[in-house]
N, C-alpha and C. Protein backbone atom coordinates (compact mmCIF):
# COMPACT_ATOMS: atom_id res chain seq x y z
N MET A 1 3.97 8.67 -3.19
CA MET A 1 2.91 9.63 -3.52
C MET A 1 3.16 10.98 -2.84
N THR A 2 3.47 10.94 -1.55
CA THR A 2 3.73 12.18 -0.82
C THR A 2 4.91 12.91 -1.42
N PHE A 3 5.99 12.18 -1.68
CA PHE A 3 7.19 12.79 -2.24
C PHE A 3 6.90 13.42 -3.60
N GLU A 4 6.16 12.71 -4.44
CA GLU A 4 5.87 13.22 -5.79
C GLU A 4 5.11 14.54 -5.73
N LYS A 5 4.12 14.63 -4.86
CA LYS A 5 3.31 15.86 -4.75
C LYS A 5 4.14 16.99 -4.17
N ILE A 6 4.94 16.69 -3.14
CA ILE A 6 5.80 17.72 -2.54
C ILE A 6 6.81 18.22 -3.57
N LYS A 7 7.33 17.29 -4.35
CA LYS A 7 8.30 17.65 -5.40
C LYS A 7 7.65 18.61 -6.41
N GLU A 8 6.41 18.36 -6.77
CA GLU A 8 5.70 19.26 -7.70
C GLU A 8 5.51 20.65 -7.10
N ILE A 9 5.14 20.70 -5.82
CA ILE A 9 4.94 21.99 -5.16
C ILE A 9 6.24 22.76 -5.10
N ILE A 10 7.32 22.09 -4.75
CA ILE A 10 8.63 22.75 -4.68
C ILE A 10 9.05 23.23 -6.06
N ALA A 11 8.85 22.42 -7.07
CA ALA A 11 9.20 22.80 -8.45
C ALA A 11 8.42 24.03 -8.89
N ASP A 12 7.14 24.09 -8.54
CA ASP A 12 6.32 25.25 -8.89
C ASP A 12 6.87 26.54 -8.29
N HIS A 13 7.37 26.45 -7.07
CA HIS A 13 7.87 27.64 -6.38
C HIS A 13 9.32 27.97 -6.72
N SER A 14 10.09 26.97 -7.08
CA SER A 14 11.53 27.21 -7.31
C SER A 14 11.87 27.39 -8.78
N GLY A 15 10.97 26.94 -9.66
CA GLY A 15 11.26 26.99 -11.09
C GLY A 15 12.17 25.87 -11.53
N GLU A 16 12.50 24.98 -10.63
CA GLU A 16 13.37 23.84 -10.91
C GLU A 16 12.55 22.72 -11.53
N ASP A 17 13.18 21.91 -12.38
CA ASP A 17 12.53 20.76 -12.97
C ASP A 17 12.35 19.68 -11.89
N THR A 18 11.23 18.99 -11.91
CA THR A 18 10.98 17.97 -10.88
C THR A 18 12.04 16.87 -10.89
N ASP A 19 12.62 16.59 -12.04
CA ASP A 19 13.66 15.55 -12.13
C ASP A 19 14.91 15.91 -11.34
N ALA A 20 15.11 17.20 -11.10
CA ALA A 20 16.29 17.65 -10.37
C ALA A 20 16.10 17.60 -8.85
N ILE A 21 14.89 17.30 -8.41
CA ILE A 21 14.57 17.30 -6.98
C ILE A 21 14.52 15.86 -6.48
N THR A 22 15.41 15.55 -5.53
CA THR A 22 15.46 14.22 -4.92
C THR A 22 15.22 14.37 -3.42
N LEU A 23 15.15 13.26 -2.73
CA LEU A 23 14.99 13.29 -1.28
C LEU A 23 16.19 13.95 -0.61
N ASP A 24 17.35 13.89 -1.23
CA ASP A 24 18.57 14.46 -0.66
C ASP A 24 18.79 15.92 -1.04
N THR A 25 17.94 16.48 -1.88
CA THR A 25 18.10 17.86 -2.31
C THR A 25 17.89 18.82 -1.14
N GLU A 26 18.84 19.74 -0.96
CA GLU A 26 18.71 20.76 0.07
C GLU A 26 18.00 21.96 -0.51
N TYR A 27 17.18 22.60 0.31
CA TYR A 27 16.41 23.76 -0.15
C TYR A 27 17.34 24.84 -0.72
N THR A 28 18.46 25.06 -0.05
CA THR A 28 19.38 26.12 -0.48
C THR A 28 19.93 25.87 -1.88
N SER A 29 20.08 24.60 -2.26
CA SER A 29 20.61 24.30 -3.60
C SER A 29 19.60 24.64 -4.69
N LEU A 30 18.34 24.84 -4.30
CA LEU A 30 17.30 25.21 -5.25
C LEU A 30 17.06 26.72 -5.27
N GLY A 31 17.83 27.44 -4.47
CA GLY A 31 17.68 28.89 -4.41
C GLY A 31 16.44 29.31 -3.64
N ILE A 32 15.96 28.45 -2.76
CA ILE A 32 14.75 28.74 -1.99
C ILE A 32 15.12 29.55 -0.75
N ASP A 33 14.49 30.71 -0.61
CA ASP A 33 14.74 31.56 0.57
C ASP A 33 13.64 31.33 1.60
N SER A 34 13.72 32.02 2.72
CA SER A 34 12.78 31.79 3.82
C SER A 34 11.34 32.14 3.44
N LEU A 35 11.15 33.16 2.64
CA LEU A 35 9.80 33.53 2.21
C LEU A 35 9.20 32.44 1.33
N THR A 36 10.00 31.92 0.43
CA THR A 36 9.53 30.85 -0.45
C THR A 36 9.22 29.59 0.34
N ILE A 37 10.02 29.30 1.36
CA ILE A 37 9.75 28.14 2.23
C ILE A 37 8.37 28.27 2.85
N VAL A 38 8.04 29.46 3.34
CA VAL A 38 6.73 29.67 3.96
C VAL A 38 5.62 29.44 2.94
N GLU A 39 5.79 29.92 1.73
CA GLU A 39 4.79 29.71 0.68
C GLU A 39 4.64 28.23 0.34
N ILE A 40 5.76 27.53 0.26
CA ILE A 40 5.74 26.08 -0.01
C ILE A 40 5.01 25.35 1.11
N LEU A 41 5.33 25.71 2.35
CA LEU A 41 4.70 25.05 3.50
C LEU A 41 3.19 25.29 3.52
N MET A 42 2.77 26.48 3.17
CA MET A 42 1.32 26.77 3.13
C MET A 42 0.63 25.87 2.10
N ASP A 43 1.24 25.71 0.94
CA ASP A 43 0.66 24.84 -0.09
C ASP A 43 0.63 23.38 0.36
N ILE A 44 1.71 22.95 1.02
CA ILE A 44 1.77 21.57 1.51
C ILE A 44 0.73 21.35 2.60
N GLU A 45 0.58 22.32 3.49
CA GLU A 45 -0.43 22.20 4.55
C GLU A 45 -1.83 22.07 3.96
N ASP A 46 -2.11 22.87 2.94
CA ASP A 46 -3.42 22.80 2.27
C ASP A 46 -3.62 21.45 1.58
N GLU A 47 -2.58 20.97 0.93
CA GLU A 47 -2.66 19.71 0.18
C GLU A 47 -2.82 18.49 1.08
N PHE A 48 -2.08 18.46 2.19
CA PHE A 48 -2.03 17.26 3.03
C PHE A 48 -2.78 17.38 4.36
N GLY A 49 -3.27 18.56 4.68
CA GLY A 49 -4.01 18.72 5.93
C GLY A 49 -3.15 18.58 7.17
N VAL A 50 -1.91 19.03 7.08
CA VAL A 50 -0.98 18.97 8.21
C VAL A 50 -0.57 20.39 8.60
N THR A 51 0.04 20.52 9.78
CA THR A 51 0.58 21.80 10.22
C THR A 51 2.09 21.64 10.34
N LEU A 52 2.83 22.56 9.72
CA LEU A 52 4.29 22.49 9.72
C LEU A 52 4.87 23.79 10.23
N GLU A 53 6.00 23.71 10.93
CA GLU A 53 6.72 24.89 11.38
C GLU A 53 7.99 25.03 10.55
N ALA A 54 8.21 26.20 10.00
CA ALA A 54 9.35 26.42 9.10
C ALA A 54 10.67 26.05 9.75
N GLY A 55 10.82 26.29 11.03
CA GLY A 55 12.09 25.99 11.70
C GLY A 55 12.29 24.54 12.04
N LYS A 56 11.29 23.70 11.75
CA LYS A 56 11.37 22.30 12.15
C LYS A 56 11.18 21.33 10.98
N ILE A 57 11.58 21.76 9.79
CA ILE A 57 11.39 20.90 8.62
C ILE A 57 12.69 20.34 8.09
N GLY A 58 13.79 20.56 8.80
CA GLY A 58 15.07 20.04 8.35
C GLY A 58 15.64 20.85 7.21
N THR A 59 16.60 20.25 6.51
CA THR A 59 17.29 20.97 5.44
C THR A 59 17.14 20.34 4.06
N THR A 60 16.53 19.15 4.02
CA THR A 60 16.38 18.47 2.73
C THR A 60 14.91 18.18 2.43
N VAL A 61 14.65 17.88 1.19
CA VAL A 61 13.30 17.50 0.77
C VAL A 61 12.87 16.24 1.51
N GLY A 62 13.79 15.32 1.72
CA GLY A 62 13.48 14.10 2.47
C GLY A 62 13.03 14.39 3.89
N ASP A 63 13.69 15.38 4.53
CA ASP A 63 13.27 15.79 5.88
C ASP A 63 11.83 16.29 5.86
N LEU A 64 11.51 17.07 4.85
CA LEU A 64 10.17 17.63 4.72
C LEU A 64 9.13 16.53 4.49
N VAL A 65 9.45 15.60 3.61
CA VAL A 65 8.54 14.48 3.35
C VAL A 65 8.27 13.71 4.65
N ALA A 66 9.32 13.46 5.42
CA ALA A 66 9.16 12.73 6.68
C ALA A 66 8.25 13.48 7.64
N LYS A 67 8.40 14.81 7.73
CA LYS A 67 7.55 15.62 8.61
C LYS A 67 6.10 15.57 8.17
N VAL A 68 5.86 15.63 6.87
CA VAL A 68 4.48 15.57 6.36
C VAL A 68 3.87 14.22 6.68
N GLU A 69 4.61 13.15 6.43
CA GLU A 69 4.08 11.81 6.70
C GLU A 69 3.84 11.61 8.20
N GLU A 70 4.71 12.16 9.00
CA GLU A 70 4.56 12.10 10.46
C GLU A 70 3.28 12.83 10.89
N GLY A 71 3.01 13.97 10.27
CA GLY A 71 1.83 14.76 10.59
C GLY A 71 0.52 14.13 10.16
N GLN A 72 0.59 13.20 9.21
CA GLN A 72 -0.61 12.53 8.71
C GLN A 72 -1.02 11.35 9.57
N GLU A 73 -0.15 10.92 10.48
CA GLU A 73 -0.44 9.74 11.31
C GLU A 73 -1.46 10.04 12.37
């Protein structure tokens, strides 16, 4: 569930199809820059009620999902 919602948020910001986004997908391969990362994180924080730091989310979508799930505990 968490992954699916995060995937939708990333797709909205990157213009990429959700099918192309996996847990192993790196942000850079989606053409996501630092400004877009901040926008994505703000949407994720609103959606899941967590606080995330841009420098501590790793490099892949899977890293981000893990941080969100960690923040929900």
